[in-house]
Amino acid sequence: MAIIVNLDVVMARKKISAGQLAELIDITPANLSILKNNKAKAIRFSTLEALCKVLECQPGDILEYVADED
């Protein structure tokens, strides 16, 4: 996949647990886990906005583009 989710890195820097974050942004821990482990196929802008607000970061801190090697 060309888009990498670096949510675990940002969470570690902010010292916040998955359970706390899921509660603060109002998504299920299971959905947060899917996102955190690069299993998500999409993310809602409202979820991305909530993540950035709670984690005090920019979307680019969470999402990274990596070109596929052909």
PDB file of N, CA and C in Angstrom:
ATOM      1  N   MET A   1       0.843  -1.182   0.000  1.00  0.00           N
ATOM      2  CA  MET A   1       0.000   0.000   0.000  1.00  0.00           C
ATOM      3  C   MET A   1       0.887   1.243   0.000  1.00  0.00           C
ATOM      4  N   ALA A   2       0.510   2.241  -0.719  1.00  0.00           N
ATOM      5  CA  ALA A   2       1.323   3.437  -0.872  1.00  0.00           C
ATOM      6  C   ALA A   2       1.113   4.458   0.243  1.00  0.00           C
ATOM      7  N   ILE A   3      -0.002   4.376   0.968  1.00  0.00           N
ATOM      8  CA  ILE A   3      -0.251   5.295   2.074  1.00  0.00           C
ATOM      9  C   ILE A   3       0.008   4.552   3.377  1.00  0.00           C
ATOM     10  N   ILE A   4       0.912   5.078   4.169  1.00  0.00           N
ATOM     11  CA  ILE A   4       1.279   4.480   5.451  1.00  0.00           C
ATOM     12  C   ILE A   4       0.668   5.323   6.568  1.00  0.00           C
ATOM     13  N   VAL A   5       0.068   4.665   7.546  1.00  0.00           N
ATOM     14  CA  VAL A   5      -0.518   5.352   8.695  1.00  0.00           C
ATOM     15  C   VAL A   5       0.485   5.273   9.846  1.00  0.00           C
ATOM     16  N   ASN A   6       0.978   6.426  10.262  1.00  0.00           N
ATOM     17  CA  ASN A   6       1.959   6.513  11.342  1.00  0.00           C
ATOM     18  C   ASN A   6       1.305   6.906  12.663  1.00  0.00           C
ATOM     19  N   LEU A   7       0.092   6.452  12.863  1.00  0.00           N
ATOM     20  CA  LEU A   7      -0.668   6.823  14.038  1.00  0.00           C
ATOM     21  C   LEU A   7       0.005   6.359  15.323  1.00  0.00           C
ATOM     22  N   ASP A   8       0.579   5.178  15.310  1.00  0.00           N
ATOM     23  CA  ASP A   8       1.234   4.657  16.515  1.00  0.00           C
ATOM     24  C   ASP A   8       2.406   5.536  16.939  1.00  0.00           C
ATOM     25  N   VAL A   9       3.123   6.099  15.981  1.00  0.00           N
ATOM     26  CA  VAL A   9       4.254   6.976  16.276  1.00  0.00           C
ATOM     27  C   VAL A   9       3.767   8.260  16.950  1.00  0.00           C
ATOM     28  N   VAL A  10       2.712   8.851  16.376  1.00  0.00           N
ATOM     29  CA  VAL A  10       2.167  10.089  16.929  1.00  0.00           C
ATOM     30  C   VAL A  10       1.574   9.829  18.313  1.00  0.00           C
ATOM     31  N   MET A  11       0.901   8.709  18.473  1.00  0.00           N
ATOM     32  CA  MET A  11       0.325   8.356  19.773  1.00  0.00           C
ATOM     33  C   MET A  11       1.424   8.188  20.825  1.00  0.00           C
ATOM     34  N   ALA A  12       2.517   7.557  20.459  1.00  0.00           N
ATOM     35  CA  ALA A  12       3.626   7.355  21.390  1.00  0.00           C
ATOM     36  C   ALA A  12       4.226   8.695  21.813  1.00  0.00           C
ATOM     37  N   ARG A  13       4.385   9.605  20.849  1.00  0.00           N
ATOM     38  CA  ARG A  13       4.924  10.928  21.171  1.00  0.00           C
ATOM     39  C   ARG A  13       4.022  11.684  22.144  1.00  0.00           C
ATOM     40  N   LYS A  14       2.718  11.514  21.976  1.00  0.00           N
ATOM     41  CA  LYS A  14       1.742  12.216  22.826  1.00  0.00           C
ATOM     42  C   LYS A  14       1.394  11.424  24.082  1.00  0.00           C
ATOM     43  N   LYS A  15       1.944  10.212  24.192  1.00  0.00           N
ATOM     44  CA  LYS A  15       1.709   9.346  25.350  1.00  0.00           C
ATOM     45  C   LYS A  15       0.221   9.136  25.605  1.00  0.00           C
ATOM     46  N   ILE A  16      -0.478   8.686  24.570  1.00  0.00           N
ATOM     47  CA  ILE A  16      -1.909   8.413  24.679  1.00  0.00           C
ATOM     48  C   ILE A  16      -2.168   6.972  24.246  1.00  0.00           C
ATOM     49  N   SER A  17      -3.021   6.293  24.974  1.00  0.00           N
ATOM     50  CA  SER A  17      -3.326   4.897  24.652  1.00  0.00           C
ATOM     51  C   SER A  17      -4.403   4.829  23.571  1.00  0.00           C
ATOM     52  N   ALA A  18      -4.496   3.671  22.956  1.00  0.00           N
ATOM     53  CA  ALA A  18      -5.509   3.453  21.920  1.00  0.00           C
ATOM     54  C   ALA A  18      -6.910   3.599  22.505  1.00  0.00           C
ATOM     55  N   GLY A  19      -7.106   3.072  23.692  1.00  0.00           N
ATOM     56  CA  GLY A  19      -8.418   3.172  24.333  1.00  0.00           C
ATOM     57  C   GLY A  19      -8.816   4.610  24.606  1.00  0.00           C
ATOM     58  N   GLN A  20      -7.868   5.398  25.111  1.00  0.00           N
ATOM     59  CA  GLN A  20      -8.134   6.820  25.372  1.00  0.00           C
ATOM     60  C   GLN A  20      -8.447   7.551  24.076  1.00  0.00           C
ATOM     61  N   LEU A  21      -7.638   7.312  23.048  1.00  0.00           N
ATOM     62  CA  LEU A  21      -7.816   8.005  21.778  1.00  0.00           C
ATOM     63  C   LEU A  21      -9.152   7.647  21.144  1.00  0.00           C
ATOM     64  N   ALA A  22      -9.490   6.364  21.139  1.00  0.00           N
ATOM     65  CA  ALA A  22     -10.767   5.935  20.563  1.00  0.00           C
ATOM     66  C   ALA A  22     -11.926   6.640  21.243  1.00  0.00           C
ATOM     67  N   GLU A  23     -11.864   6.746  22.557  1.00  0.00           N
ATOM     68  CA  GLU A  23     -12.932   7.411  23.299  1.00  0.00           C
ATOM     69  C   GLU A  23     -12.997   8.894  22.970  1.00  0.00           C
ATOM     70  N   LEU A  24     -11.843   9.540  22.903  1.00  0.00           N
ATOM     71  CA  LEU A  24     -11.804  10.984  22.643  1.00  0.00           C
ATOM     72  C   LEU A  24     -12.288  11.360  21.251  1.00  0.00           C
ATOM     73  N   ILE A  25     -12.052  10.488  20.266  1.00  0.00           N
ATOM     74  CA  ILE A  25     -12.488  10.820  18.901  1.00  0.00           C
ATOM     75  C   ILE A  25     -13.777  10.104  18.524  1.00  0.00           C
ATOM     76  N   ASP A  26     -14.341   9.365  19.486  1.00  0.00           N
ATOM     77  CA  ASP A  26     -15.650   8.733  19.333  1.00  0.00           C
ATOM     78  C   ASP A  26     -15.700   7.708  18.198  1.00  0.00           C
ATOM     79  N   ILE A  27     -14.711   6.811  18.180  1.00  0.00           N
ATOM     80  CA  ILE A  27     -14.777   5.644  17.303  1.00  0.00           C
ATOM     81  C   ILE A  27     -14.513   4.410  18.156  1.00  0.00           C
ATOM     82  N   THR A  28     -14.853   3.250  17.629  1.00  0.00           N
ATOM     83  CA  THR A  28     -14.646   2.028  18.397  1.00  0.00           C
ATOM     84  C   THR A  28     -13.159   1.692  18.450  1.00  0.00           C
ATOM     85  N   PRO A  29     -12.730   1.044  19.521  1.00  0.00           N
ATOM     86  CA  PRO A  29     -11.325   0.604  19.582  1.00  0.00           C
ATOM     87  C   PRO A  29     -10.963  -0.304  18.405  1.00  0.00           C
ATOM     88  N   ALA A  30     -11.917  -1.107  17.944  1.00  0.00           N
ATOM     89  CA  ALA A  30     -11.661  -1.992  16.794  1.00  0.00           C
ATOM     90  C   ALA A  30     -11.371  -1.182  15.533  1.00  0.00           C
ATOM     91  N   ASN A  31     -12.142  -0.127  15.295  1.00  0.00           N
ATOM     92  CA  ASN A  31     -11.909   0.708  14.114  1.00  0.00           C
ATOM     93  C   ASN A  31     -10.590   1.468  14.223  1.00  0.00           C
ATOM     94  N   LEU A  32     -10.248   1.910  15.419  1.00  0.00           N
ATOM     95  CA  LEU A  32      -8.957   2.575  15.604  1.00  0.00           C
ATOM     96  C   LEU A  32      -7.823   1.595  15.331  1.00  0.00           C
ATOM     97  N   SER A  33      -7.982   0.367  15.776  1.00  0.00           N
ATOM     98  CA  SER A  33      -6.963  -0.656  15.545  1.00  0.00           C
ATOM     99  C   SER A  33      -6.768  -0.918  14.056  1.00  0.00           C
ATOM    100  N   ILE A  34      -7.852  -0.972  13.313  1.00  0.00           N
ATOM    101  CA  ILE A  34      -7.787  -1.176  11.857  1.00  0.00           C
ATOM    102  C   ILE A  34      -7.003  -0.041  11.211  1.00  0.00           C
ATOM    103  N   LEU A  35      -7.286   1.170  11.638  1.00  0.00           N
ATOM    104  CA  LEU A  35      -6.590   2.335  11.094  1.00  0.00           C
ATOM    105  C   LEU A  35      -5.113   2.316  11.495  1.00  0.00           C
ATOM    106  N   LYS A  36      -4.861   2.058  12.752  1.00  0.00           N
ATOM    107  CA  LYS A  36      -3.502   2.074  13.298  1.00  0.00           C
ATOM    108  C   LYS A  36      -2.609   1.014  12.663  1.00  0.00           C
ATOM    109  N   ASN A  37      -3.185  -0.116  12.278  1.00  0.00           N
ATOM    110  CA  ASN A  37      -2.402  -1.227  11.735  1.00  0.00           C
ATOM    111  C   ASN A  37      -2.389  -1.278  10.209  1.00  0.00           C
ATOM    112  N   ASN A  38      -2.678  -0.142   9.571  1.00  0.00           N
ATOM    113  CA  ASN A  38      -2.640  -0.033   8.107  1.00  0.00           C
ATOM    114  C   ASN A  38      -3.583  -0.995   7.400  1.00  0.00           C
ATOM    115  N   LYS A  39      -4.701  -1.340   8.023  1.00  0.00           N
ATOM    116  CA  LYS A  39      -5.682  -2.242   7.418  1.00  0.00           C
ATOM    117  C   LYS A  39      -6.850  -1.479   6.810  1.00  0.00           C
ATOM    118  N   ALA A  40      -6.947  -0.186   7.087  1.00  0.00           N
ATOM    119  CA  ALA A  40      -8.070   0.626   6.603  1.00  0.00           C
ATOM    120  C   ALA A  40      -7.916   0.911   5.112  1.00  0.00           C
ATOM    121  N   LYS A  41      -9.029   0.908   4.414  1.00  0.00           N
ATOM    122  CA  LYS A  41      -9.035   1.243   2.985  1.00  0.00           C
ATOM    123  C   LYS A  41      -9.351   2.716   2.769  1.00  0.00           C
ATOM    124  N   ALA A  42      -9.893   3.376   3.804  1.00  0.00           N
ATOM    125  CA  ALA A  42     -10.268   4.786   3.700  1.00  0.00           C
ATOM    126  C   ALA A  42     -10.349   5.373   5.098  1.00  0.00           C
ATOM    127  N   ILE A  43     -10.344   6.697   5.165  1.00  0.00           N
ATOM    128  CA  ILE A  43     -10.548   7.395   6.428  1.00  0.00           C
ATOM    129  C   ILE A  43     -11.429   8.607   6.148  1.00  0.00           C
ATOM    130  N   ARG A  44     -12.397   8.820   7.006  1.00  0.00           N
ATOM    131  CA  ARG A  44     -13.266   9.989   6.861  1.00  0.00           C
ATOM    132  C   ARG A  44     -12.496  11.234   7.274  1.00  0.00           C
ATOM    133  N   PHE A  45     -12.776  12.341   6.582  1.00  0.00           N
ATOM    134  CA  PHE A  45     -12.135  13.593   6.955  1.00  0.00           C
ATOM    135  C   PHE A  45     -12.504  13.981   8.379  1.00  0.00           C
ATOM    136  N   SER A  46     -13.709  13.671   8.808  1.00  0.00           N
ATOM    137  CA  SER A  46     -14.117  14.003  10.179  1.00  0.00           C
ATOM    138  C   SER A  46     -13.274  13.227  11.195  1.00  0.00           C
ATOM    139  N   THR A  47     -12.932  11.981  10.883  1.00  0.00           N
ATOM    140  CA  THR A  47     -12.075  11.185  11.761  1.00  0.00           C
ATOM    141  C   THR A  47     -10.655  11.743  11.758  1.00  0.00           C
ATOM    142  N   LEU A  48     -10.149  12.072  10.582  1.00  0.00           N
ATOM    143  CA  LEU A  48      -8.807  12.649  10.471  1.00  0.00           C
ATOM    144  C   LEU A  48      -8.735  13.978  11.220  1.00  0.00           C
ATOM    145  N   GLU A  49      -9.775  14.781  11.086  1.00  0.00           N
ATOM    146  CA  GLU A  49      -9.823  16.063  11.784  1.00  0.00           C
ATOM    147  C   GLU A  49      -9.809  15.846  13.308  1.00  0.00           C
ATOM    148  N   ALA A  50     -10.603  14.898  13.782  1.00  0.00           N
ATOM    149  CA  ALA A  50     -10.654  14.601  15.218  1.00  0.00           C
ATOM    150  C   ALA A  50      -9.296  14.104  15.719  1.00  0.00           C
ATOM    151  N   LEU A  51      -8.640  13.244  14.942  1.00  0.00           N
ATOM    152  CA  LEU A  51      -7.309  12.761  15.310  1.00  0.00           C
ATOM    153  C   LEU A  51      -6.328  13.921  15.436  1.00  0.00           C
ATOM    154  N   CYS A  52      -6.329  14.807  14.458  1.00  0.00           N
ATOM    155  CA  CYS A  52      -5.406  15.942  14.463  1.00  0.00           C
ATOM    156  C   CYS A  52      -5.683  16.876  15.633  1.00  0.00           C
ATOM    157  N   LYS A  53      -6.954  17.069  15.945  1.00  0.00           N
ATOM    158  CA  LYS A  53      -7.324  17.950  17.055  1.00  0.00           C
ATOM    159  C   LYS A  53      -6.839  17.368  18.381  1.00  0.00           C
ATOM    160  N   VAL A  54      -7.150  16.107  18.624  1.00  0.00           N
ATOM    161  CA  VAL A  54      -6.787  15.461  19.889  1.00  0.00           C
ATOM    162  C   VAL A  54      -5.270  15.293  20.012  1.00  0.00           C
ATOM    163  N   LEU A  55      -4.616  14.904  18.930  1.00  0.00           N
ATOM    164  CA  LEU A  55      -3.170  14.657  18.963  1.00  0.00           C
ATOM    165  C   LEU A  55      -2.335  15.914  18.709  1.00  0.00           C
ATOM    166  N   GLU A  56      -3.026  17.024  18.426  1.00  0.00           N
ATOM    167  CA  GLU A  56      -2.358  18.301  18.149  1.00  0.00           C
ATOM    168  C   GLU A  56      -1.279  18.129  17.078  1.00  0.00           C
ATOM    169  N   CYS A  57      -1.717  17.641  15.921  1.00  0.00           N
ATOM    170  CA  CYS A  57      -0.785  17.396  14.823  1.00  0.00           C
ATOM    171  C   CYS A  57      -1.434  17.756  13.494  1.00  0.00           C
ATOM    172  N   GLN A  58      -0.704  17.563  12.432  1.00  0.00           N
ATOM    173  CA  GLN A  58      -1.184  17.797  11.076  1.00  0.00           C
ATOM    174  C   GLN A  58      -1.462  16.451  10.410  1.00  0.00           C
ATOM    175  N   PRO A  59      -2.335  16.415   9.380  1.00  0.00           N
ATOM    176  CA  PRO A  59      -2.596  15.150   8.680  1.00  0.00           C
ATOM    177  C   PRO A  59      -1.326  14.473   8.185  1.00  0.00           C
ATOM    178  N   GLY A  60      -0.355  15.250   7.755  1.00  0.00           N
ATOM    179  CA  GLY A  60       0.900  14.699   7.264  1.00  0.00           C
ATOM    180  C   GLY A  60       1.739  14.017   8.335  1.00  0.00           C
ATOM    181  N   ASP A  61       1.438  14.303   9.602  1.00  0.00           N
ATOM    182  CA  ASP A  61       2.121  13.606  10.687  1.00  0.00           C
ATOM    183  C   ASP A  61       1.583  12.188  10.832  1.00  0.00           C
ATOM    184  N   ILE A  62       0.342  11.983  10.418  1.00  0.00           N
ATOM    185  CA  ILE A  62      -0.329  10.689  10.558  1.00  0.00           C
ATOM    186  C   ILE A  62      -0.228   9.859   9.286  1.00  0.00           C
ATOM    187  N   LEU A  63      -0.394  10.512   8.142  1.00  0.00           N
ATOM    188  CA  LEU A  63      -0.402   9.817   6.852  1.00  0.00           C
ATOM    189  C   LEU A  63       0.861  10.132   6.061  1.00  0.00           C
ATOM    190  N   GLU A  64       1.423   9.102   5.437  1.00  0.00           N
ATOM    191  CA  GLU A  64       2.651   9.258   4.651  1.00  0.00           C
ATOM    192  C   GLU A  64       2.501   8.494   3.339  1.00  0.00           C
ATOM    193  N   TYR A  65       2.915   9.123   2.247  1.00  0.00           N
ATOM    194  CA  TYR A  65       2.908   8.457   0.948  1.00  0.00           C
ATOM    195  C   TYR A  65       4.272   7.837   0.697  1.00  0.00           C
ATOM    196  N   VAL A  66       4.260   6.548   0.353  1.00  0.00           N
ATOM    197  CA  VAL A  66       5.483   5.832  -0.016  1.00  0.00           C
ATOM    198  C   VAL A  66       5.224   5.168  -1.359  1.00  0.00           C
ATOM    199  N   ALA A  67       6.034   5.497  -2.349  1.00  0.00           N
ATOM    200  CA  ALA A  67       5.842   4.941  -3.688  1.00  0.00           C
ATOM    201  C   ALA A  67       6.031   3.432  -3.678  1.00  0.00           C
ATOM    202  N   ASP A  68       5.162   2.731  -4.399  1.00  0.00           N
ATOM    203  CA  ASP A  68       5.302   1.275  -4.552  1.00  0.00           C
ATOM    204  C   ASP A  68       6.511   0.987  -5.419  1.00  0.00           C
ATOM    205  N   GLU A  69       7.253  -0.050  -5.038  1.00  0.00           N
ATOM    206  CA  GLU A  69       8.372  -0.463  -5.867  1.00  0.00           C
ATOM    207  C   GLU A  69       7.866  -1.427  -6.938  1.00  0.00           C
ATOM    208  N   ASP A  70       8.188  -1.127  -8.163  1.00  0.00           N
ATOM    209  CA  ASP A  70       7.726  -1.986  -9.275  1.00  0.00           C
ATOM    210  C   ASP A  70       8.810  -2.928  -9.723  1.00  0.00           C
TER     211      ASP A  70
END
